[in-house]
Amino acid sequence: MDLLTEDDEGTPRGYSDFPWYGSHVLILRAAAAEGLRDIMTPYGEFLPLKGGNGLELFNATTVLDALDEGHSEIIRFDDGDILNIEGYVFHQEVIGNSLIFKLPYRASNLYMQAGFIEQINAMELCGIGFELVWSDEADPVRKVIFPPRHQPHRKRQWWWSR
């Protein structure tokens, strides 16, 4: 695993507690993994990344058949498998209190409930965003962004005795 610290033009990337890999897994820096481990472990497993300098991959093992296919907007492959879901409707009774889950379809995204996102906010973690895909609220928040930040450089302080 190589962590890219610059874009293609050589500009440094901002610091993220969740370096991006894909919407089907989460990559977490060590501090984020330690802080979220208790809340996430019931829904999956943490796997250390070789050469990742302390990065861990979270693989969700909670798979819920929660998509209401009859009411969702789905684009399918010719064989009937799901290619893309453009409008979601979930069976809330299937999801229950599961904070993190996947659907039982090829290359499923990770889905999170608000409690997980609130925990990230409470811990002041950064460098991750979430888009709302389904809600039963009348006017929900559609997007939550915790922007990356630049790592503060530690200033060395030298002390001497007199």
N, C-alpha and C. Protein backbone atom coordinates (compact mmCIF):
# COMPACT_ATOMS: atom_id res chain seq x y z
N MET A 1 0.85 -1.17 0.00
CA MET A 1 0.00 0.00 0.00
C MET A 1 0.89 1.23 0.00
N ASP A 2 0.72 2.08 -0.96
CA ASP A 2 1.43 3.34 -1.00
C ASP A 2 0.42 4.47 -0.81
N LEU A 3 0.69 5.35 0.12
CA LEU A 3 -0.18 6.50 0.37
C LEU A 3 0.32 7.65 -0.48
N LEU A 4 -0.55 8.16 -1.35
CA LEU A 4 -0.17 9.28 -2.21
C LEU A 4 -0.30 10.58 -1.43
N THR A 5 0.80 11.30 -1.30
CA THR A 5 0.80 12.54 -0.52
C THR A 5 0.77 13.78 -1.40
N GLU A 6 0.88 13.58 -2.72
CA GLU A 6 0.83 14.70 -3.66
C GLU A 6 -0.10 14.32 -4.80
N ASP A 7 -0.71 15.34 -5.45
CA ASP A 7 -1.50 15.06 -6.64
C ASP A 7 -0.56 14.94 -7.85
N ASP A 8 -1.15 14.76 -9.02
CA ASP A 8 -0.33 14.55 -10.23
C ASP A 8 0.58 15.72 -10.56
N GLU A 9 0.22 16.93 -10.11
CA GLU A 9 1.04 18.11 -10.37
C GLU A 9 2.07 18.37 -9.28
N GLY A 10 2.10 17.53 -8.26
CA GLY A 10 3.08 17.70 -7.19
C GLY A 10 2.59 18.52 -6.01
N THR A 11 1.31 18.93 -6.04
CA THR A 11 0.75 19.71 -4.94
C THR A 11 0.45 18.78 -3.76
N PRO A 12 0.90 19.15 -2.56
CA PRO A 12 0.62 18.29 -1.40
C PRO A 12 -0.88 18.14 -1.16
N ARG A 13 -1.28 16.92 -0.86
CA ARG A 13 -2.68 16.65 -0.50
C ARG A 13 -2.90 17.03 0.95
N GLY A 14 -4.12 17.44 1.29
CA GLY A 14 -4.45 17.72 2.68
C GLY A 14 -4.47 16.45 3.51
N TYR A 15 -4.35 16.60 4.79
CA TYR A 15 -4.35 15.47 5.71
C TYR A 15 -5.77 14.93 5.86
N SER A 16 -5.90 13.62 5.81
CA SER A 16 -7.17 12.96 6.02
C SER A 16 -7.00 11.82 7.00
N ASP A 17 -7.95 11.70 7.91
CA ASP A 17 -7.97 10.54 8.81
C ASP A 17 -8.48 9.30 8.08
N PHE A 18 -9.02 9.51 6.86
CA PHE A 18 -9.61 8.44 6.06
C PHE A 18 -9.10 8.52 4.62
N PRO A 19 -7.85 8.16 4.36
CA PRO A 19 -7.36 8.22 2.97
C PRO A 19 -8.27 7.40 2.06
N TRP A 20 -8.60 7.95 0.91
CA TRP A 20 -9.60 7.37 0.03
C TRP A 20 -9.07 6.15 -0.72
N TYR A 21 -9.88 5.12 -0.78
CA TYR A 21 -9.60 3.96 -1.60
C TYR A 21 -10.80 3.62 -2.48
N GLY A 22 -11.97 3.66 -1.89
CA GLY A 22 -13.20 3.36 -2.61
C GLY A 22 -14.38 3.40 -1.67
N SER A 23 -15.58 3.39 -2.23
CA SER A 23 -16.79 3.49 -1.42
C SER A 23 -17.20 2.15 -0.80
N HIS A 24 -16.46 1.10 -1.08
CA HIS A 24 -16.80 -0.22 -0.56
C HIS A 24 -16.03 -0.59 0.71
N VAL A 25 -15.01 0.19 1.06
CA VAL A 25 -14.23 -0.01 2.28
C VAL A 25 -13.84 1.35 2.84
N LEU A 26 -13.43 1.37 4.08
CA LEU A 26 -12.85 2.58 4.67
C LEU A 26 -11.40 2.29 5.00
N ILE A 27 -10.54 3.24 4.69
CA ILE A 27 -9.15 3.21 5.13
C ILE A 27 -9.06 4.22 6.26
N LEU A 28 -8.46 3.83 7.37
CA LEU A 28 -8.36 4.71 8.54
C LEU A 28 -6.92 4.82 8.99
N ARG A 29 -6.54 6.02 9.38
CA ARG A 29 -5.24 6.18 10.05
C ARG A 29 -5.37 5.58 11.45
N ALA A 30 -4.23 5.34 12.06
CA ALA A 30 -4.20 4.64 13.34
C ALA A 30 -5.06 5.31 14.41
N ALA A 31 -4.97 6.62 14.55
CA ALA A 31 -5.74 7.31 15.59
C ALA A 31 -7.24 7.20 15.34
N ALA A 32 -7.66 7.31 14.08
CA ALA A 32 -9.08 7.18 13.75
C ALA A 32 -9.55 5.75 14.01
N ALA A 33 -8.73 4.78 13.63
CA ALA A 33 -9.09 3.38 13.85
C ALA A 33 -9.24 3.09 15.33
N GLU A 34 -8.30 3.58 16.14
CA GLU A 34 -8.38 3.34 17.58
C GLU A 34 -9.62 4.00 18.18
N GLY A 35 -9.90 5.22 17.75
CA GLY A 35 -11.05 5.94 18.29
C GLY A 35 -12.39 5.37 17.88
N LEU A 36 -12.46 4.76 16.71
CA LEU A 36 -13.72 4.24 16.19
C LEU A 36 -13.86 2.72 16.31
N ARG A 37 -12.81 2.06 16.76
CA ARG A 37 -12.79 0.59 16.77
C ARG A 37 -13.99 0.00 17.52
N ASP A 38 -14.30 0.52 18.70
CA ASP A 38 -15.39 -0.05 19.49
C ASP A 38 -16.75 0.08 18.80
N ILE A 39 -16.97 1.22 18.14
CA ILE A 39 -18.27 1.44 17.49
C ILE A 39 -18.36 0.67 16.17
N MET A 40 -17.21 0.40 15.51
CA MET A 40 -17.22 -0.24 14.20
C MET A 40 -17.09 -1.77 14.24
N THR A 41 -16.41 -2.30 15.23
CA THR A 41 -16.12 -3.73 15.28
C THR A 41 -17.36 -4.63 15.20
N PRO A 42 -18.49 -4.27 15.76
CA PRO A 42 -19.66 -5.15 15.60
C PRO A 42 -20.11 -5.32 14.14
N TYR A 43 -19.63 -4.46 13.25
CA TYR A 43 -20.10 -4.48 11.87
C TYR A 43 -19.04 -4.93 10.87
N GLY A 44 -17.87 -5.26 11.34
CA GLY A 44 -16.83 -5.68 10.40
C GLY A 44 -15.51 -5.93 11.08
N GLU A 45 -14.47 -5.93 10.25
CA GLU A 45 -13.13 -6.26 10.75
C GLU A 45 -12.13 -5.21 10.29
N PHE A 46 -11.12 -4.99 11.12
CA PHE A 46 -10.01 -4.10 10.79
C PHE A 46 -8.84 -4.95 10.31
N LEU A 47 -8.29 -4.56 9.19
CA LEU A 47 -7.16 -5.30 8.62
C LEU A 47 -5.99 -4.33 8.43
N PRO A 48 -4.82 -4.65 8.99
CA PRO A 48 -3.66 -3.76 8.79
C PRO A 48 -3.21 -3.83 7.34
N LEU A 49 -2.76 -2.70 6.81
CA LEU A 49 -2.29 -2.64 5.43
C LEU A 49 -0.77 -2.71 5.40
N LYS A 50 -0.25 -3.66 4.68
CA LYS A 50 1.19 -3.83 4.56
C LYS A 50 1.77 -2.62 3.84
N GLY A 51 2.77 -2.01 4.45
CA GLY A 51 3.40 -0.83 3.87
C GLY A 51 2.56 0.42 4.03
N GLY A 52 1.50 0.35 4.80
CA GLY A 52 0.58 1.47 4.94
C GLY A 52 0.90 2.41 6.07
N ASN A 53 2.03 2.21 6.74
CA ASN A 53 2.46 3.13 7.79
C ASN A 53 1.38 3.31 8.86
N GLY A 54 0.82 2.19 9.32
CA GLY A 54 -0.19 2.23 10.38
C GLY A 54 -1.62 2.34 9.88
N LEU A 55 -1.83 2.38 8.57
CA LEU A 55 -3.19 2.45 8.05
C LEU A 55 -3.89 1.11 8.23
N GLU A 56 -5.20 1.18 8.44
CA GLU A 56 -6.01 -0.04 8.55
C GLU A 56 -7.19 0.06 7.60
N LEU A 57 -7.57 -1.06 7.05
CA LEU A 57 -8.74 -1.15 6.18
C LEU A 57 -9.88 -1.71 7.01
N PHE A 58 -11.05 -1.07 6.92
CA PHE A 58 -12.24 -1.62 7.57
C PHE A 58 -13.06 -2.32 6.51
N ASN A 59 -13.26 -3.61 6.70
CA ASN A 59 -14.07 -4.43 5.81
C ASN A 59 -15.38 -4.75 6.52
N ALA A 60 -16.47 -4.21 6.02
CA ALA A 60 -17.78 -4.48 6.63
C ALA A 60 -18.18 -5.92 6.36
N THR A 61 -18.52 -6.63 7.41
CA THR A 61 -18.99 -8.00 7.28
C THR A 61 -20.49 -8.09 7.55
N THR A 62 -21.10 -6.98 7.93
CA THR A 62 -22.54 -6.94 8.11
C THR A 62 -23.18 -6.70 6.75
N VAL A 63 -23.86 -7.72 6.26
CA VAL A 63 -24.51 -7.65 4.94
C VAL A 63 -26.00 -7.79 5.17
N LEU A 64 -26.74 -6.75 4.76
CA LEU A 64 -28.18 -6.73 4.99
C LEU A 64 -28.92 -6.62 3.66
N ASP A 65 -29.91 -7.45 3.47
CA ASP A 65 -30.75 -7.39 2.28
C ASP A 65 -31.84 -6.35 2.54
N ALA A 66 -31.41 -5.08 2.60
CA ALA A 66 -32.28 -4.00 3.06
C ALA A 66 -32.82 -3.13 1.94
N LEU A 67 -32.37 -3.34 0.70
CA LEU A 67 -32.81 -2.49 -0.40
C LEU A 67 -34.20 -2.90 -0.86
N ASP A 68 -35.10 -1.93 -0.92
CA ASP A 68 -36.44 -2.15 -1.46
C ASP A 68 -36.32 -1.98 -2.98
N GLU A 69 -36.06 -3.07 -3.67
CA GLU A 69 -35.80 -3.01 -5.11
C GLU A 69 -37.02 -2.52 -5.89
N GLY A 70 -38.19 -2.78 -5.40
CA GLY A 70 -39.40 -2.37 -6.09
C GLY A 70 -39.62 -0.87 -6.10
N HIS A 71 -39.08 -0.17 -5.11
CA HIS A 71 -39.26 1.27 -5.00
C HIS A 71 -37.98 2.07 -5.27
N SER A 72 -36.85 1.39 -5.41
CA SER A 72 -35.58 2.05 -5.69
C SER A 72 -35.42 2.23 -7.20
N GLU A 73 -34.58 3.18 -7.59
CA GLU A 73 -34.25 3.37 -9.00
C GLU A 73 -32.95 2.63 -9.27
N ILE A 74 -33.04 1.55 -10.04
CA ILE A 74 -31.91 0.65 -10.24
C ILE A 74 -31.62 0.49 -11.73
N ILE A 75 -30.35 0.56 -12.08
CA ILE A 75 -29.89 0.24 -13.43
C ILE A 75 -29.25 -1.13 -13.34
N ARG A 76 -29.64 -2.01 -14.25
CA ARG A 76 -29.17 -3.40 -14.19
C ARG A 76 -28.33 -3.78 -15.40
N PHE A 77 -27.45 -4.74 -15.18
CA PHE A 77 -26.74 -5.39 -16.28
C PHE A 77 -27.76 -6.24 -17.05
N ASP A 78 -27.36 -6.72 -18.20
CA ASP A 78 -28.24 -7.58 -19.01
C ASP A 78 -28.65 -8.84 -18.27
N ASP A 79 -27.78 -9.33 -17.39
CA ASP A 79 -28.09 -10.56 -16.66
C ASP A 79 -28.97 -10.32 -15.43
N GLY A 80 -29.34 -9.05 -15.18
CA GLY A 80 -30.22 -8.73 -14.06
C GLY A 80 -29.50 -8.25 -12.82
N ASP A 81 -28.18 -8.44 -12.75
CA ASP A 81 -27.43 -7.93 -11.60
C ASP A 81 -27.47 -6.40 -11.58
N ILE A 82 -27.27 -5.84 -10.40
CA ILE A 82 -27.31 -4.39 -10.24
C ILE A 82 -26.02 -3.76 -10.75
N LEU A 83 -26.16 -2.81 -11.65
CA LEU A 83 -25.03 -2.02 -12.14
C LEU A 83 -24.88 -0.78 -11.27
N ASN A 84 -25.99 -0.09 -11.01
CA ASN A 84 -25.95 1.15 -10.23
C ASN A 84 -27.32 1.38 -9.59
N ILE A 85 -27.29 2.00 -8.43
CA ILE A 85 -28.52 2.38 -7.75
C ILE A 85 -28.57 3.89 -7.76
N GLU A 86 -29.54 4.45 -8.44
CA GLU A 86 -29.63 5.91 -8.58
C GLU A 86 -30.60 6.53 -7.59
N GLY A 87 -31.49 5.77 -7.06
CA GLY A 87 -32.42 6.25 -6.04
C GLY A 87 -32.70 5.13 -5.06
N TYR A 88 -32.44 5.38 -3.80
CA TYR A 88 -32.53 4.33 -2.79
C TYR A 88 -33.82 4.41 -2.00
N VAL A 89 -34.38 3.24 -1.70
CA VAL A 89 -35.40 3.09 -0.68
C VAL A 89 -34.99 1.83 0.10
N PHE A 90 -34.87 1.99 1.41
CA PHE A 90 -34.46 0.87 2.25
C PHE A 90 -35.63 0.38 3.09
N HIS A 91 -35.54 -0.88 3.48
CA HIS A 91 -36.46 -1.45 4.47
C HIS A 91 -35.84 -1.17 5.83
N GLN A 92 -36.32 -0.15 6.51
CA GLN A 92 -35.74 0.27 7.79
C GLN A 92 -35.78 -0.85 8.82
N GLU A 93 -36.81 -1.68 8.76
CA GLU A 93 -36.91 -2.77 9.74
C GLU A 93 -35.79 -3.80 9.55
N VAL A 94 -35.23 -3.90 8.36
CA VAL A 94 -34.10 -4.81 8.12
C VAL A 94 -32.82 -4.19 8.68
N ILE A 95 -32.65 -2.89 8.49
CA ILE A 95 -31.44 -2.20 8.95
C ILE A 95 -31.41 -2.11 10.48
N GLY A 96 -32.55 -1.79 11.07
CA GLY A 96 -32.61 -1.66 12.52
C GLY A 96 -31.60 -0.65 13.03
N ASN A 97 -30.78 -1.05 13.99
CA ASN A 97 -29.78 -0.16 14.58
C ASN A 97 -28.38 -0.39 14.02
N SER A 98 -28.26 -1.14 12.95
CA SER A 98 -26.93 -1.37 12.35
C SER A 98 -26.38 -0.05 11.83
N LEU A 99 -25.25 0.38 12.39
CA LEU A 99 -24.66 1.66 11.99
C LEU A 99 -23.94 1.57 10.66
N ILE A 100 -23.40 0.39 10.32
CA ILE A 100 -22.62 0.21 9.11
C ILE A 100 -23.01 -1.12 8.49
N PHE A 101 -23.24 -1.11 7.17
CA PHE A 101 -23.57 -2.37 6.50
C PHE A 101 -23.29 -2.26 5.01
N LYS A 102 -23.31 -3.42 4.36
CA LYS A 102 -23.25 -3.53 2.91
C LYS A 102 -24.52 -4.23 2.45
N LEU A 103 -24.81 -4.07 1.18
CA LEU A 103 -25.91 -4.80 0.56
C LEU A 103 -25.34 -6.09 -0.04
N PRO A 104 -26.18 -7.11 -0.24
CA PRO A 104 -25.67 -8.39 -0.76
C PRO A 104 -25.51 -8.41 -2.28
N TYR A 105 -24.92 -7.34 -2.81
CA TYR A 105 -24.72 -7.24 -4.26
C TYR A 105 -23.25 -7.03 -4.54
N ARG A 106 -22.86 -7.39 -5.74
CA ARG A 106 -21.47 -7.25 -6.18
C ARG A 106 -21.00 -5.81 -5.98
N ALA A 107 -19.83 -5.65 -5.38
CA ALA A 107 -19.18 -4.34 -5.17
C ALA A 107 -20.08 -3.34 -4.45
N SER A 108 -20.78 -3.79 -3.44
CA SER A 108 -21.66 -2.89 -2.69
C SER A 108 -20.87 -1.79 -1.98
N ASN A 109 -21.44 -0.60 -1.99
CA ASN A 109 -20.91 0.50 -1.19
C ASN A 109 -21.08 0.17 0.29
N LEU A 110 -20.42 0.94 1.13
CA LEU A 110 -20.69 0.92 2.57
C LEU A 110 -21.81 1.91 2.83
N TYR A 111 -22.70 1.56 3.72
CA TYR A 111 -23.78 2.46 4.12
C TYR A 111 -23.67 2.67 5.62
N MET A 112 -23.84 3.92 6.04
CA MET A 112 -23.70 4.27 7.43
C MET A 112 -24.93 5.04 7.89
N GLN A 113 -25.30 4.84 9.12
CA GLN A 113 -26.37 5.64 9.71
C GLN A 113 -25.77 6.86 10.40
N ALA A 114 -26.63 7.80 10.71
CA ALA A 114 -26.20 9.09 11.26
C ALA A 114 -25.36 8.96 12.52
N GLY A 115 -25.63 7.98 13.35
CA GLY A 115 -24.87 7.82 14.60
C GLY A 115 -23.38 7.65 14.37
N PHE A 116 -23.02 6.98 13.30
CA PHE A 116 -21.61 6.80 12.97
C PHE A 116 -20.99 8.12 12.54
N ILE A 117 -21.69 8.86 11.72
CA ILE A 117 -21.19 10.15 11.24
C ILE A 117 -21.10 11.14 12.40
N GLU A 118 -22.04 11.10 13.31
CA GLU A 118 -21.99 11.96 14.49
C GLU A 118 -20.77 11.65 15.34
N GLN A 119 -20.38 10.38 15.41
CA GLN A 119 -19.19 10.00 16.18
C GLN A 119 -17.92 10.58 15.54
N ILE A 120 -17.85 10.55 14.21
CA ILE A 120 -16.70 11.14 13.50
C ILE A 120 -16.62 12.63 13.80
N ASN A 121 -17.77 13.29 13.79
CA ASN A 121 -17.82 14.72 14.10
C ASN A 121 -17.38 14.98 15.53
N ALA A 122 -17.87 14.20 16.46
CA ALA A 122 -17.52 14.38 17.88
C ALA A 122 -16.02 14.20 18.12
N MET A 123 -15.40 13.34 17.34
CA MET A 123 -13.96 13.10 17.51
C MET A 123 -13.12 14.11 16.73
N GLU A 124 -13.77 14.99 15.98
CA GLU A 124 -13.11 16.02 15.17
C GLU A 124 -12.15 15.40 14.15
N LEU A 125 -12.57 14.29 13.55
CA LEU A 125 -11.78 13.66 12.50
C LEU A 125 -12.01 14.42 11.20
N CYS A 126 -11.13 14.22 10.23
CA CYS A 126 -11.23 15.04 9.02
C CYS A 126 -10.93 14.22 7.77
N GLY A 127 -11.27 14.82 6.64
CA GLY A 127 -10.92 14.26 5.36
C GLY A 127 -11.85 13.18 4.86
N ILE A 128 -13.15 13.33 5.14
CA ILE A 128 -14.12 12.35 4.65
C ILE A 128 -15.45 13.08 4.44
N GLY A 129 -16.22 12.59 3.50
CA GLY A 129 -17.53 13.17 3.23
C GLY A 129 -18.57 12.08 3.05
N PHE A 130 -19.80 12.44 3.29
CA PHE A 130 -20.90 11.49 3.18
C PHE A 130 -22.04 12.14 2.41
N GLU A 131 -22.66 11.38 1.52
CA GLU A 131 -23.84 11.84 0.81
C GLU A 131 -25.03 11.02 1.26
N LEU A 132 -26.12 11.69 1.54
CA LEU A 132 -27.34 11.03 1.95
C LEU A 132 -27.92 10.26 0.76
N VAL A 133 -28.21 8.99 0.94
CA VAL A 133 -28.84 8.23 -0.13
C VAL A 133 -30.29 7.91 0.17
N TRP A 134 -30.68 7.97 1.44
CA TRP A 134 -32.08 7.70 1.78
C TRP A 134 -32.37 8.23 3.18
N SER A 135 -33.56 8.77 3.33
CA SER A 135 -34.01 9.25 4.64
C SER A 135 -35.52 9.24 4.67
N ASP A 136 -36.07 9.06 5.85
CA ASP A 136 -37.52 9.19 6.00
C ASP A 136 -37.88 10.54 6.61
N GLU A 137 -36.90 11.44 6.72
CA GLU A 137 -37.15 12.80 7.21
C GLU A 137 -37.65 13.68 6.08
N ALA A 138 -38.39 14.73 6.43
CA ALA A 138 -38.97 15.63 5.43
C ALA A 138 -37.90 16.47 4.73
N ASP A 139 -36.95 17.03 5.48
CA ASP A 139 -35.93 17.90 4.89
C ASP A 139 -34.56 17.58 5.51
N PRO A 140 -33.99 16.45 5.14
CA PRO A 140 -32.73 16.03 5.76
C PRO A 140 -31.52 16.77 5.19
N VAL A 141 -30.42 16.73 5.93
CA VAL A 141 -29.14 17.23 5.45
C VAL A 141 -28.69 16.26 4.35
N ARG A 142 -28.31 16.77 3.19
CA ARG A 142 -27.98 15.93 2.04
C ARG A 142 -26.52 15.54 1.94
N LYS A 143 -25.64 16.34 2.54
CA LYS A 143 -24.21 16.06 2.43
C LYS A 143 -23.52 16.54 3.69
N VAL A 144 -22.58 15.75 4.17
CA VAL A 144 -21.76 16.11 5.33
C VAL A 144 -20.31 15.97 4.90
N ILE A 145 -19.54 17.04 5.05
CA ILE A 145 -18.13 17.03 4.66
C ILE A 145 -17.28 17.41 5.87
N PHE A 146 -16.30 16.58 6.15
CA PHE A 146 -15.27 16.90 7.14
C PHE A 146 -14.00 17.11 6.32
N PRO A 147 -13.71 18.36 5.96
CA PRO A 147 -12.63 18.61 4.99
C PRO A 147 -11.26 18.20 5.51
N PRO A 148 -10.36 17.88 4.56
CA PRO A 148 -8.98 17.60 4.97
C PRO A 148 -8.35 18.85 5.55
N ARG A 149 -7.32 18.66 6.30
CA ARG A 149 -6.59 19.81 6.84
C ARG A 149 -5.11 19.58 6.62
N HIS A 150 -4.40 20.62 6.76
CA HIS A 150 -2.95 20.50 6.64
C HIS A 150 -2.41 20.17 8.02
N GLN A 151 -1.54 19.19 8.07
CA GLN A 151 -0.93 18.81 9.32
C GLN A 151 -0.13 19.98 9.86
N PRO A 152 -0.36 20.37 11.08
CA PRO A 152 0.49 21.43 11.63
C PRO A 152 1.91 20.89 11.83
N HIS A 153 2.85 21.71 11.48
CA HIS A 153 4.24 21.31 11.69
C HIS A 153 4.58 21.54 13.15
N ARG A 154 5.16 20.55 13.76
CA ARG A 154 5.56 20.71 15.15
C ARG A 154 6.80 21.57 15.20
N LYS A 155 6.77 22.50 16.08
CA LYS A 155 7.95 23.35 16.28
C LYS A 155 8.77 22.74 17.39
N ARG A 156 10.01 22.62 17.11
CA ARG A 156 10.91 22.07 18.13
C ARG A 156 11.23 23.17 19.12
N GLN A 157 11.26 22.78 20.35
CA GLN A 157 11.65 23.72 21.39
C GLN A 157 12.87 23.14 22.09
N TRP A 158 13.85 23.98 22.22
CA TRP A 158 15.06 23.56 22.89
C TRP A 158 15.14 24.26 24.22
N TRP A 159 15.45 23.50 25.22
CA TRP A 159 15.57 24.06 26.57
C TRP A 159 16.99 23.84 27.05
N TRP A 160 17.44 24.71 27.84
CA TRP A 160 18.76 24.55 28.43
C TRP A 160 18.69 24.90 29.90
N SER A 161 19.64 24.42 30.60
CA SER A 161 19.68 24.71 32.04
C SER A 161 20.70 25.80 32.28
N ARG A 162 20.48 26.55 33.30
CA ARG A 162 21.40 27.64 33.68
C ARG A 162 22.06 27.34 34.98
